[in-house]
Each structure stands twice: as structure tokens, then as C-alpha cells.
Amino acid sequence: MRPDETPAERPGLLLRLVRDQRIAFLLVGATNTGFGFLVFIAFDLTLGVWVDAAAGETIGSLAVLLAAHVISVLFAFVMYRTFVFRVRGHVLRDLARFESVYLVAIGINAVILPILVNLGWNRIVAQLAILVVTTLISWFGHRGFSFRRQGEVATETEPERGRT
């Protein structure tokens, strides 16, 4: 830690190790994606089976997507906030902005997933394919909006410090 840094201003361990916010985002994103995908599978094999039988595959797909979304977003928020963007304060504002980025992604997902399922795709395979698009949306949205602080110019090659 440099003499002019407080512990709260110091970049997280991951960002200090990789020194590139894009790489840190990809590493945390891979963890989040893996976690979220496992949550999706768990809901597909439980809630999805039940809702499919009661209301059909389209409603079942949307129920699984929504349930997995809530758990996954909360997990991802903590991970990105702690390990990639390393900000403090404004937790509820950051969470609202974070969720707004994911609402765009889930909106796209909610349109494409039922279409692919109705075309005969396995729901899990369809979700995996959709992840490619939503990952790109996530990077640009979170970096430029979710954790952005007023007057800040973010760098991509150095650990960011001093975010308040």
C-alpha cells in the first residue's frame, strides 16, 4: 500500500494481481457466469419441471430465468463491486444501476430464450448460447454506468484507486 492510500482506496487483490480491469472483469465474470449458470440449471431441474407441467414450457422458461436472475445478480453485484470496480458508498444506487444493466440483458434473454426453446432447443443449451451476448452488454454497462463515479475517468490498464 502506498503512503497516500487508505485501505478503502486500495484496489482489490484481484486487480492488484492482474493489473488490468478488463482481465479482472473477465475472471470475475467467468465465476459469476458459472455460478449463475449452475443456479439456472438448478432452477430448471426443480422449478422449471414444476412450472412446465403446470403452465407450459414458455412460462417455465421465464420462471426459471427470473428465479436464477435474482440470485445471480446479487452474487455478481458483490463480486464485481469487491473485486473489479472496488468502489465504496452508494450501495443501493450502485445496485439499482447494476440491476438496470441486467434488466437490458434479461429483457433480451426473456425474448430469445422462449423462442429457442419453442424451436426445439434444450433450455440449458439455449441459455448458454445467449450468455455470449449478455456478457458483452454486461461489460460495457457495468464499466460505464453501474460503478461509475461522477467526474471519473476510468483507466483500463491500471488498477483503479481513489473511487468514492
N, C-alpha and C. Protein backbone atom coordinates (compact mmCIF):
# COMPACT_ATOMS: atom_id res chain seq x y z
N MET A 1 0.85 -1.18 0.00
CA MET A 1 0.00 0.00 0.00
C MET A 1 0.89 1.23 0.00
N ARG A 2 0.55 2.19 -0.86
CA ARG A 2 1.30 3.43 -0.92
C ARG A 2 0.95 4.31 0.28
N PRO A 3 1.85 5.19 0.69
CA PRO A 3 1.60 6.03 1.86
C PRO A 3 0.36 6.92 1.72
N ASP A 4 0.00 7.32 0.49
CA ASP A 4 -1.15 8.21 0.31
C ASP A 4 -2.47 7.46 0.12
N GLU A 5 -2.44 6.12 0.23
CA GLU A 5 -3.64 5.31 0.05
C GLU A 5 -4.23 4.93 1.41
N THR A 6 -5.55 4.96 1.47
CA THR A 6 -6.23 4.39 2.62
C THR A 6 -6.64 2.98 2.22
N PRO A 7 -6.90 2.08 3.17
CA PRO A 7 -7.30 0.72 2.81
C PRO A 7 -8.51 0.68 1.88
N ALA A 8 -9.45 1.61 2.03
CA ALA A 8 -10.64 1.61 1.18
C ALA A 8 -10.33 2.04 -0.25
N GLU A 9 -9.24 2.81 -0.45
CA GLU A 9 -8.88 3.26 -1.79
C GLU A 9 -8.01 2.24 -2.53
N ARG A 10 -7.47 1.33 -1.82
CA ARG A 10 -6.56 0.36 -2.41
C ARG A 10 -7.33 -0.62 -3.30
N PRO A 11 -6.85 -0.86 -4.51
CA PRO A 11 -7.54 -1.82 -5.38
C PRO A 11 -7.62 -3.19 -4.73
N GLY A 12 -8.65 -3.94 -5.08
CA GLY A 12 -8.80 -5.28 -4.55
C GLY A 12 -7.65 -6.19 -4.97
N LEU A 13 -7.51 -7.31 -4.29
CA LEU A 13 -6.42 -8.25 -4.54
C LEU A 13 -6.36 -8.69 -6.00
N LEU A 14 -7.48 -9.02 -6.57
CA LEU A 14 -7.51 -9.49 -7.95
C LEU A 14 -6.99 -8.42 -8.90
N LEU A 15 -7.43 -7.19 -8.73
CA LEU A 15 -6.99 -6.11 -9.60
C LEU A 15 -5.52 -5.79 -9.39
N ARG A 16 -5.01 -5.94 -8.19
CA ARG A 16 -3.58 -5.74 -7.94
C ARG A 16 -2.76 -6.84 -8.61
N LEU A 17 -3.31 -8.06 -8.68
CA LEU A 17 -2.58 -9.16 -9.30
C LEU A 17 -2.57 -9.09 -10.82
N VAL A 18 -3.72 -8.83 -11.42
CA VAL A 18 -3.79 -8.85 -12.88
C VAL A 18 -3.52 -7.50 -13.52
N ARG A 19 -3.73 -6.41 -12.77
CA ARG A 19 -3.41 -5.05 -13.18
C ARG A 19 -4.14 -4.57 -14.44
N ASP A 20 -5.17 -5.26 -14.83
CA ASP A 20 -5.96 -4.85 -15.99
C ASP A 20 -7.42 -5.11 -15.66
N GLN A 21 -8.20 -4.04 -15.62
CA GLN A 21 -9.59 -4.17 -15.22
C GLN A 21 -10.38 -5.09 -16.14
N ARG A 22 -10.03 -5.11 -17.42
CA ARG A 22 -10.73 -5.99 -18.37
C ARG A 22 -10.51 -7.45 -18.03
N ILE A 23 -9.28 -7.79 -17.68
CA ILE A 23 -8.97 -9.18 -17.31
C ILE A 23 -9.65 -9.54 -15.99
N ALA A 24 -9.61 -8.62 -15.02
CA ALA A 24 -10.29 -8.86 -13.75
C ALA A 24 -11.79 -9.05 -13.99
N PHE A 25 -12.37 -8.23 -14.88
CA PHE A 25 -13.79 -8.36 -15.21
C PHE A 25 -14.07 -9.74 -15.80
N LEU A 26 -13.22 -10.18 -16.70
CA LEU A 26 -13.42 -11.50 -17.33
C LEU A 26 -13.31 -12.63 -16.30
N LEU A 27 -12.34 -12.54 -15.40
CA LEU A 27 -12.17 -13.59 -14.38
C LEU A 27 -13.36 -13.63 -13.43
N VAL A 28 -13.77 -12.48 -12.94
CA VAL A 28 -14.93 -12.44 -12.06
C VAL A 28 -16.18 -12.80 -12.85
N GLY A 29 -16.25 -12.32 -14.08
CA GLY A 29 -17.39 -12.65 -14.93
C GLY A 29 -17.52 -14.13 -15.19
N ALA A 30 -16.39 -14.80 -15.38
CA ALA A 30 -16.41 -16.26 -15.58
C ALA A 30 -16.95 -16.95 -14.32
N THR A 31 -16.51 -16.47 -13.17
CA THR A 31 -17.02 -17.01 -11.91
C THR A 31 -18.52 -16.77 -11.78
N ASN A 32 -18.94 -15.52 -12.05
CA ASN A 32 -20.36 -15.18 -11.98
C ASN A 32 -21.18 -15.98 -12.98
N THR A 33 -20.66 -16.12 -14.19
CA THR A 33 -21.38 -16.85 -15.23
C THR A 33 -21.52 -18.32 -14.84
N GLY A 34 -20.45 -18.89 -14.34
CA GLY A 34 -20.51 -20.28 -13.89
C GLY A 34 -21.51 -20.46 -12.77
N PHE A 35 -21.43 -19.57 -11.79
CA PHE A 35 -22.38 -19.62 -10.67
C PHE A 35 -23.81 -19.44 -11.17
N GLY A 36 -24.03 -18.42 -11.98
CA GLY A 36 -25.37 -18.14 -12.49
C GLY A 36 -25.91 -19.26 -13.34
N PHE A 37 -25.04 -19.88 -14.12
CA PHE A 37 -25.47 -20.99 -14.97
C PHE A 37 -25.85 -22.20 -14.12
N LEU A 38 -25.08 -22.47 -13.07
CA LEU A 38 -25.43 -23.56 -12.16
C LEU A 38 -26.75 -23.29 -11.45
N VAL A 39 -26.98 -22.03 -11.07
CA VAL A 39 -28.25 -21.66 -10.45
C VAL A 39 -29.39 -21.86 -11.45
N PHE A 40 -29.15 -21.47 -12.71
CA PHE A 40 -30.15 -21.66 -13.77
C PHE A 40 -30.48 -23.15 -13.92
N ILE A 41 -29.44 -23.98 -13.96
CA ILE A 41 -29.66 -25.43 -14.10
C ILE A 41 -30.44 -25.97 -12.90
N ALA A 42 -30.07 -25.53 -11.70
CA ALA A 42 -30.78 -26.00 -10.50
C ALA A 42 -32.26 -25.62 -10.56
N PHE A 43 -32.55 -24.39 -10.95
CA PHE A 43 -33.96 -23.98 -11.08
C PHE A 43 -34.65 -24.70 -12.23
N ASP A 44 -33.92 -24.95 -13.31
CA ASP A 44 -34.51 -25.68 -14.45
C ASP A 44 -34.94 -27.08 -14.03
N LEU A 45 -34.11 -27.74 -13.24
CA LEU A 45 -34.39 -29.12 -12.83
C LEU A 45 -35.42 -29.21 -11.69
N THR A 46 -35.74 -28.08 -11.08
CA THR A 46 -36.71 -28.09 -9.97
C THR A 46 -37.94 -27.25 -10.35
N LEU A 47 -37.82 -25.97 -10.24
CA LEU A 47 -38.91 -25.05 -10.55
C LEU A 47 -39.38 -25.22 -12.00
N GLY A 48 -38.44 -25.36 -12.92
CA GLY A 48 -38.78 -25.49 -14.33
C GLY A 48 -39.65 -26.69 -14.63
N VAL A 49 -39.32 -27.82 -14.04
CA VAL A 49 -40.11 -29.04 -14.24
C VAL A 49 -41.54 -28.83 -13.74
N TRP A 50 -41.67 -28.22 -12.58
CA TRP A 50 -42.98 -27.99 -11.98
C TRP A 50 -43.81 -27.01 -12.81
N VAL A 51 -43.20 -25.86 -13.20
CA VAL A 51 -43.94 -24.85 -13.96
C VAL A 51 -44.23 -25.34 -15.38
N ASP A 52 -43.30 -26.08 -16.00
CA ASP A 52 -43.58 -26.66 -17.32
C ASP A 52 -44.85 -27.50 -17.29
N ALA A 53 -44.97 -28.34 -16.27
CA ALA A 53 -46.13 -29.22 -16.16
C ALA A 53 -47.42 -28.44 -15.89
N ALA A 54 -47.29 -27.36 -15.11
CA ALA A 54 -48.48 -26.59 -14.74
C ALA A 54 -48.89 -25.56 -15.78
N ALA A 55 -47.90 -24.95 -16.48
CA ALA A 55 -48.24 -23.82 -17.34
C ALA A 55 -47.60 -23.85 -18.72
N GLY A 56 -46.77 -24.84 -19.01
CA GLY A 56 -46.12 -24.93 -20.31
C GLY A 56 -44.67 -24.47 -20.30
N GLU A 57 -43.96 -24.83 -21.36
CA GLU A 57 -42.52 -24.57 -21.42
C GLU A 57 -42.17 -23.09 -21.51
N THR A 58 -42.97 -22.31 -22.18
CA THR A 58 -42.65 -20.88 -22.28
C THR A 58 -42.69 -20.23 -20.91
N ILE A 59 -43.75 -20.44 -20.16
CA ILE A 59 -43.86 -19.88 -18.80
C ILE A 59 -42.79 -20.50 -17.90
N GLY A 60 -42.54 -21.80 -18.07
CA GLY A 60 -41.48 -22.46 -17.29
C GLY A 60 -40.12 -21.84 -17.55
N SER A 61 -39.82 -21.55 -18.82
CA SER A 61 -38.54 -20.92 -19.17
C SER A 61 -38.41 -19.56 -18.52
N LEU A 62 -39.48 -18.77 -18.55
CA LEU A 62 -39.43 -17.44 -17.95
C LEU A 62 -39.33 -17.50 -16.43
N ALA A 63 -40.01 -18.47 -15.81
CA ALA A 63 -39.93 -18.63 -14.35
C ALA A 63 -38.51 -19.00 -13.93
N VAL A 64 -37.90 -19.93 -14.64
CA VAL A 64 -36.53 -20.34 -14.34
C VAL A 64 -35.59 -19.15 -14.52
N LEU A 65 -35.74 -18.42 -15.61
CA LEU A 65 -34.90 -17.27 -15.90
C LEU A 65 -35.01 -16.21 -14.80
N LEU A 66 -36.21 -15.89 -14.39
CA LEU A 66 -36.43 -14.88 -13.35
C LEU A 66 -35.85 -15.31 -12.00
N ALA A 67 -36.10 -16.54 -11.60
CA ALA A 67 -35.59 -17.03 -10.31
C ALA A 67 -34.06 -17.03 -10.30
N ALA A 68 -33.46 -17.51 -11.38
CA ALA A 68 -32.00 -17.54 -11.46
C ALA A 68 -31.43 -16.13 -11.51
N HIS A 69 -32.14 -15.24 -12.17
CA HIS A 69 -31.69 -13.85 -12.31
C HIS A 69 -31.52 -13.18 -10.94
N VAL A 70 -32.50 -13.32 -10.08
CA VAL A 70 -32.46 -12.66 -8.76
C VAL A 70 -31.23 -13.10 -7.96
N ILE A 71 -31.02 -14.40 -7.87
CA ILE A 71 -29.87 -14.93 -7.11
C ILE A 71 -28.56 -14.53 -7.77
N SER A 72 -28.49 -14.68 -9.08
CA SER A 72 -27.25 -14.41 -9.81
C SER A 72 -26.84 -12.95 -9.77
N VAL A 73 -27.81 -12.05 -9.87
CA VAL A 73 -27.49 -10.61 -9.85
C VAL A 73 -26.92 -10.20 -8.50
N LEU A 74 -27.50 -10.68 -7.44
CA LEU A 74 -26.98 -10.33 -6.11
C LEU A 74 -25.56 -10.85 -5.92
N PHE A 75 -25.31 -12.07 -6.35
CA PHE A 75 -23.96 -12.64 -6.27
C PHE A 75 -22.99 -11.82 -7.13
N ALA A 76 -23.37 -11.54 -8.36
CA ALA A 76 -22.49 -10.80 -9.28
C ALA A 76 -22.21 -9.39 -8.77
N PHE A 77 -23.21 -8.74 -8.19
CA PHE A 77 -23.02 -7.39 -7.67
C PHE A 77 -21.91 -7.36 -6.62
N VAL A 78 -21.98 -8.27 -5.69
CA VAL A 78 -20.95 -8.32 -4.64
C VAL A 78 -19.58 -8.62 -5.25
N MET A 79 -19.53 -9.55 -6.18
CA MET A 79 -18.25 -9.92 -6.79
C MET A 79 -17.63 -8.76 -7.58
N TYR A 80 -18.40 -8.14 -8.45
CA TYR A 80 -17.87 -7.03 -9.25
C TYR A 80 -17.51 -5.83 -8.39
N ARG A 81 -18.34 -5.51 -7.44
CA ARG A 81 -18.10 -4.36 -6.57
C ARG A 81 -16.84 -4.57 -5.73
N THR A 82 -16.61 -5.79 -5.31
CA THR A 82 -15.47 -6.09 -4.45
C THR A 82 -14.18 -6.29 -5.22
N PHE A 83 -14.23 -7.05 -6.31
CA PHE A 83 -13.01 -7.50 -6.96
C PHE A 83 -12.63 -6.76 -8.25
N VAL A 84 -13.56 -6.07 -8.88
CA VAL A 84 -13.23 -5.42 -10.16
C VAL A 84 -13.29 -3.91 -10.06
N PHE A 85 -14.41 -3.37 -9.62
CA PHE A 85 -14.58 -1.93 -9.66
C PHE A 85 -14.21 -1.24 -8.36
N ARG A 86 -14.16 -1.99 -7.28
CA ARG A 86 -13.65 -1.52 -5.99
C ARG A 86 -14.12 -0.12 -5.63
N VAL A 87 -15.40 0.02 -5.47
CA VAL A 87 -15.98 1.30 -5.10
C VAL A 87 -16.54 1.21 -3.69
N ARG A 88 -16.78 2.36 -3.09
CA ARG A 88 -17.42 2.36 -1.78
C ARG A 88 -18.52 3.39 -1.78
N GLY A 89 -19.41 3.26 -0.80
CA GLY A 89 -20.54 4.16 -0.72
C GLY A 89 -21.58 3.86 -1.80
N HIS A 90 -22.72 4.50 -1.71
CA HIS A 90 -23.77 4.42 -2.73
C HIS A 90 -24.19 2.99 -3.07
N VAL A 91 -24.27 2.11 -2.07
CA VAL A 91 -24.57 0.70 -2.32
C VAL A 91 -25.91 0.53 -3.02
N LEU A 92 -26.95 1.16 -2.51
CA LEU A 92 -28.27 0.99 -3.11
C LEU A 92 -28.34 1.61 -4.50
N ARG A 93 -27.72 2.77 -4.68
CA ARG A 93 -27.68 3.38 -6.02
C ARG A 93 -26.91 2.48 -6.99
N ASP A 94 -25.77 1.97 -6.55
CA ASP A 94 -24.99 1.07 -7.41
C ASP A 94 -25.78 -0.19 -7.75
N LEU A 95 -26.49 -0.74 -6.76
CA LEU A 95 -27.28 -1.95 -7.01
C LEU A 95 -28.40 -1.65 -8.01
N ALA A 96 -29.06 -0.50 -7.87
CA ALA A 96 -30.12 -0.14 -8.82
C ALA A 96 -29.55 0.03 -10.22
N ARG A 97 -28.41 0.67 -10.34
CA ARG A 97 -27.78 0.84 -11.65
C ARG A 97 -27.32 -0.51 -12.21
N PHE A 98 -26.75 -1.32 -11.34
CA PHE A 98 -26.29 -2.66 -11.72
C PHE A 98 -27.46 -3.48 -12.27
N GLU A 99 -28.56 -3.46 -11.54
CA GLU A 99 -29.75 -4.21 -11.96
C GLU A 99 -30.30 -3.65 -13.27
N SER A 100 -30.22 -2.34 -13.47
CA SER A 100 -30.73 -1.78 -14.71
C SER A 100 -29.96 -2.30 -15.92
N VAL A 101 -28.66 -2.50 -15.77
CA VAL A 101 -27.87 -3.10 -16.85
C VAL A 101 -28.35 -4.53 -17.09
N TYR A 102 -28.57 -5.27 -16.01
CA TYR A 102 -29.04 -6.65 -16.16
C TYR A 102 -30.48 -6.73 -16.64
N LEU A 103 -31.28 -5.69 -16.43
CA LEU A 103 -32.64 -5.70 -16.97
C LEU A 103 -32.62 -5.66 -18.48
N VAL A 104 -31.66 -4.95 -19.05
CA VAL A 104 -31.50 -4.97 -20.51
C VAL A 104 -31.14 -6.39 -20.95
N ALA A 105 -30.17 -6.98 -20.26
CA ALA A 105 -29.75 -8.34 -20.61
C ALA A 105 -30.88 -9.35 -20.42
N ILE A 106 -31.60 -9.26 -19.31
CA ILE A 106 -32.67 -10.23 -19.09
C ILE A 106 -33.83 -9.99 -20.05
N GLY A 107 -34.03 -8.74 -20.47
CA GLY A 107 -35.06 -8.46 -21.47
C GLY A 107 -34.75 -9.16 -22.78
N ILE A 108 -33.52 -9.06 -23.22
CA ILE A 108 -33.08 -9.76 -24.43
C ILE A 108 -33.22 -11.27 -24.23
N ASN A 109 -32.77 -11.72 -23.07
CA ASN A 109 -32.83 -13.14 -22.72
C ASN A 109 -34.28 -13.64 -22.70
N ALA A 110 -35.18 -12.84 -22.12
CA ALA A 110 -36.58 -13.25 -22.00
C ALA A 110 -37.28 -13.35 -23.35
N VAL A 111 -36.78 -12.63 -24.34
CA VAL A 111 -37.35 -12.74 -25.69
C VAL A 111 -36.74 -13.94 -26.42
N ILE A 112 -35.41 -14.07 -26.35
CA ILE A 112 -34.73 -15.10 -27.14
C ILE A 112 -34.90 -16.50 -26.56
N LEU A 113 -34.84 -16.66 -25.23
CA LEU A 113 -34.91 -17.99 -24.62
C LEU A 113 -36.19 -18.75 -24.99
N PRO A 114 -37.37 -18.17 -24.82
CA PRO A 114 -38.58 -18.93 -25.20
C PRO A 114 -38.63 -19.25 -26.70
N ILE A 115 -38.12 -18.34 -27.52
CA ILE A 115 -38.10 -18.60 -28.97
C ILE A 115 -37.25 -19.83 -29.26
N LEU A 116 -36.04 -19.87 -28.69
CA LEU A 116 -35.15 -21.01 -28.94
C LEU A 116 -35.74 -22.30 -28.38
N VAL A 117 -36.34 -22.23 -27.19
CA VAL A 117 -36.96 -23.41 -26.58
C VAL A 117 -38.11 -23.90 -27.46
N ASN A 118 -38.93 -22.97 -27.96
CA ASN A 118 -40.04 -23.36 -28.83
C ASN A 118 -39.58 -23.87 -30.19
N LEU A 119 -38.36 -23.53 -30.57
CA LEU A 119 -37.77 -24.07 -31.80
C LEU A 119 -37.15 -25.45 -31.58
N GLY A 120 -37.22 -25.92 -30.34
CA GLY A 120 -36.72 -27.26 -30.04
C GLY A 120 -35.38 -27.32 -29.35
N TRP A 121 -34.79 -26.17 -29.04
CA TRP A 121 -33.52 -26.17 -28.33
C TRP A 121 -33.75 -26.62 -26.89
N ASN A 122 -32.79 -27.31 -26.34
CA ASN A 122 -32.78 -27.61 -24.92
C ASN A 122 -32.61 -26.28 -24.19
N ARG A 123 -33.37 -26.07 -23.12
CA ARG A 123 -33.35 -24.80 -22.40
C ARG A 123 -31.96 -24.45 -21.89
N ILE A 124 -31.22 -25.42 -21.41
CA ILE A 124 -29.88 -25.14 -20.87
C ILE A 124 -28.92 -24.75 -21.99
N VAL A 125 -28.98 -25.43 -23.12
CA VAL A 125 -28.12 -25.10 -24.27
C VAL A 125 -28.47 -23.71 -24.80
N ALA A 126 -29.76 -23.41 -24.88
CA ALA A 126 -30.19 -22.09 -25.36
C ALA A 126 -29.65 -20.99 -24.45
N GLN A 127 -29.73 -21.20 -23.15
CA GLN A 127 -29.22 -20.20 -22.20
C GLN A 127 -27.72 -20.01 -22.36
N LEU A 128 -27.00 -21.07 -22.58
CA LEU A 128 -25.56 -20.97 -22.77
C LEU A 128 -25.24 -20.12 -24.00
N ALA A 129 -25.97 -20.30 -25.07
CA ALA A 129 -25.76 -19.51 -26.28
C ALA A 129 -26.04 -18.03 -26.05
N ILE A 130 -27.07 -17.73 -25.30
CA ILE A 130 -27.46 -16.35 -25.03
C ILE A 130 -26.43 -15.64 -24.16
N LEU A 131 -25.70 -16.38 -23.35
CA LEU A 131 -24.71 -15.78 -22.45
C LEU A 131 -23.64 -14.98 -23.18
N VAL A 132 -23.32 -15.35 -24.39
CA VAL A 132 -22.31 -14.62 -25.16
C VAL A 132 -22.73 -13.16 -25.35
N VAL A 133 -23.96 -12.95 -25.76
CA VAL A 133 -24.47 -11.60 -25.99
C VAL A 133 -24.59 -10.83 -24.68
N THR A 134 -25.13 -11.45 -23.67
CA THR A 134 -25.35 -10.75 -22.41
C THR A 134 -24.05 -10.42 -21.68
N THR A 135 -22.99 -11.17 -21.93
CA THR A 135 -21.70 -10.85 -21.33
C THR A 135 -21.15 -9.54 -21.88
N LEU A 136 -21.29 -9.33 -23.17
CA LEU A 136 -20.83 -8.06 -23.77
C LEU A 136 -21.64 -6.87 -23.24
N ILE A 137 -22.94 -7.05 -23.14
CA ILE A 137 -23.79 -6.00 -22.59
C ILE A 137 -23.36 -5.67 -21.17
N SER A 138 -23.06 -6.70 -20.40
CA SER A 138 -22.66 -6.54 -19.02
C SER A 138 -21.36 -5.72 -18.89
N TRP A 139 -20.35 -6.05 -19.66
CA TRP A 139 -19.06 -5.34 -19.57
C TRP A 139 -19.25 -3.85 -19.80
N PHE A 140 -19.86 -3.49 -20.91
CA PHE A 140 -20.00 -2.08 -21.24
C PHE A 140 -20.93 -1.36 -20.26
N GLY A 141 -21.99 -2.00 -19.86
CA GLY A 141 -22.92 -1.38 -18.93
C GLY A 141 -22.35 -1.16 -17.55
N HIS A 142 -21.68 -2.16 -17.01
CA HIS A 142 -21.14 -2.02 -15.65
C HIS A 142 -19.96 -1.07 -15.61
N ARG A 143 -19.11 -1.16 -16.60
CA ARG A 143 -17.93 -0.30 -16.60
C ARG A 143 -18.32 1.16 -16.78
N GLY A 144 -19.24 1.43 -17.68
CA GLY A 144 -19.58 2.80 -17.99
C GLY A 144 -20.72 3.39 -17.19
N PHE A 145 -21.47 2.54 -16.45
CA PHE A 145 -22.66 3.05 -15.79
C PHE A 145 -22.80 2.58 -14.34
N SER A 146 -22.80 1.28 -14.11
CA SER A 146 -23.14 0.75 -12.78
C SER A 146 -22.24 1.28 -11.67
N PHE A 147 -20.93 1.26 -11.89
CA PHE A 147 -19.99 1.62 -10.84
C PHE A 147 -19.24 2.91 -11.14
N ARG A 148 -19.71 3.66 -12.08
CA ARG A 148 -19.07 4.92 -12.48
C ARG A 148 -19.32 5.96 -11.41
N ARG A 149 -18.32 6.74 -11.11
CA ARG A 149 -18.46 7.85 -10.18
C ARG A 149 -18.34 9.14 -10.97
N GLN A 150 -19.06 10.17 -10.54
CA GLN A 150 -19.08 11.44 -11.23
C GLN A 150 -17.68 12.02 -11.35
N GLY A 151 -17.34 12.52 -12.53
CA GLY A 151 -16.05 13.14 -12.75
C GLY A 151 -14.89 12.18 -12.88
N GLU A 152 -15.16 10.91 -12.97
CA GLU A 152 -14.10 9.90 -13.01
C GLU A 152 -13.76 9.53 -14.45
N VAL A 153 -12.50 9.41 -14.71
CA VAL A 153 -12.05 8.88 -15.98
C VAL A 153 -11.40 7.55 -15.68
N ALA A 154 -12.03 6.47 -16.10
CA ALA A 154 -11.53 5.13 -15.78
C ALA A 154 -10.39 4.77 -16.71
N THR A 155 -9.42 4.07 -16.15
CA THR A 155 -8.34 3.52 -16.98
C THR A 155 -8.56 2.03 -17.08
N GLU A 156 -8.05 1.46 -18.14
CA GLU A 156 -8.26 0.03 -18.34
C GLU A 156 -7.01 -0.80 -18.07
N THR A 157 -5.87 -0.15 -17.92
CA THR A 157 -4.64 -0.92 -17.78
C THR A 157 -4.02 -0.83 -16.40
N GLU A 158 -4.55 0.01 -15.55
CA GLU A 158 -4.03 0.12 -14.21
C GLU A 158 -5.13 -0.16 -13.21
N PRO A 159 -4.76 -0.66 -12.04
CA PRO A 159 -5.78 -0.81 -11.01
C PRO A 159 -6.31 0.58 -10.67
N GLU A 160 -7.61 0.68 -10.54
CA GLU A 160 -8.21 1.96 -10.23
C GLU A 160 -8.18 2.18 -8.73
N ARG A 161 -7.88 3.41 -8.34
CA ARG A 161 -7.84 3.73 -6.94
C ARG A 161 -8.58 5.04 -6.71
N GLY A 162 -8.91 5.25 -5.47
CA GLY A 162 -9.49 6.51 -5.08
C GLY A 162 -10.95 6.68 -5.45
N ARG A 163 -11.63 5.62 -5.77
CA ARG A 163 -13.06 5.73 -6.09
C ARG A 163 -13.83 5.88 -4.80
N THR A 164 -14.68 6.87 -4.77
CA THR A 164 -15.52 7.08 -3.59
C THR A 164 -16.96 7.15 -3.95
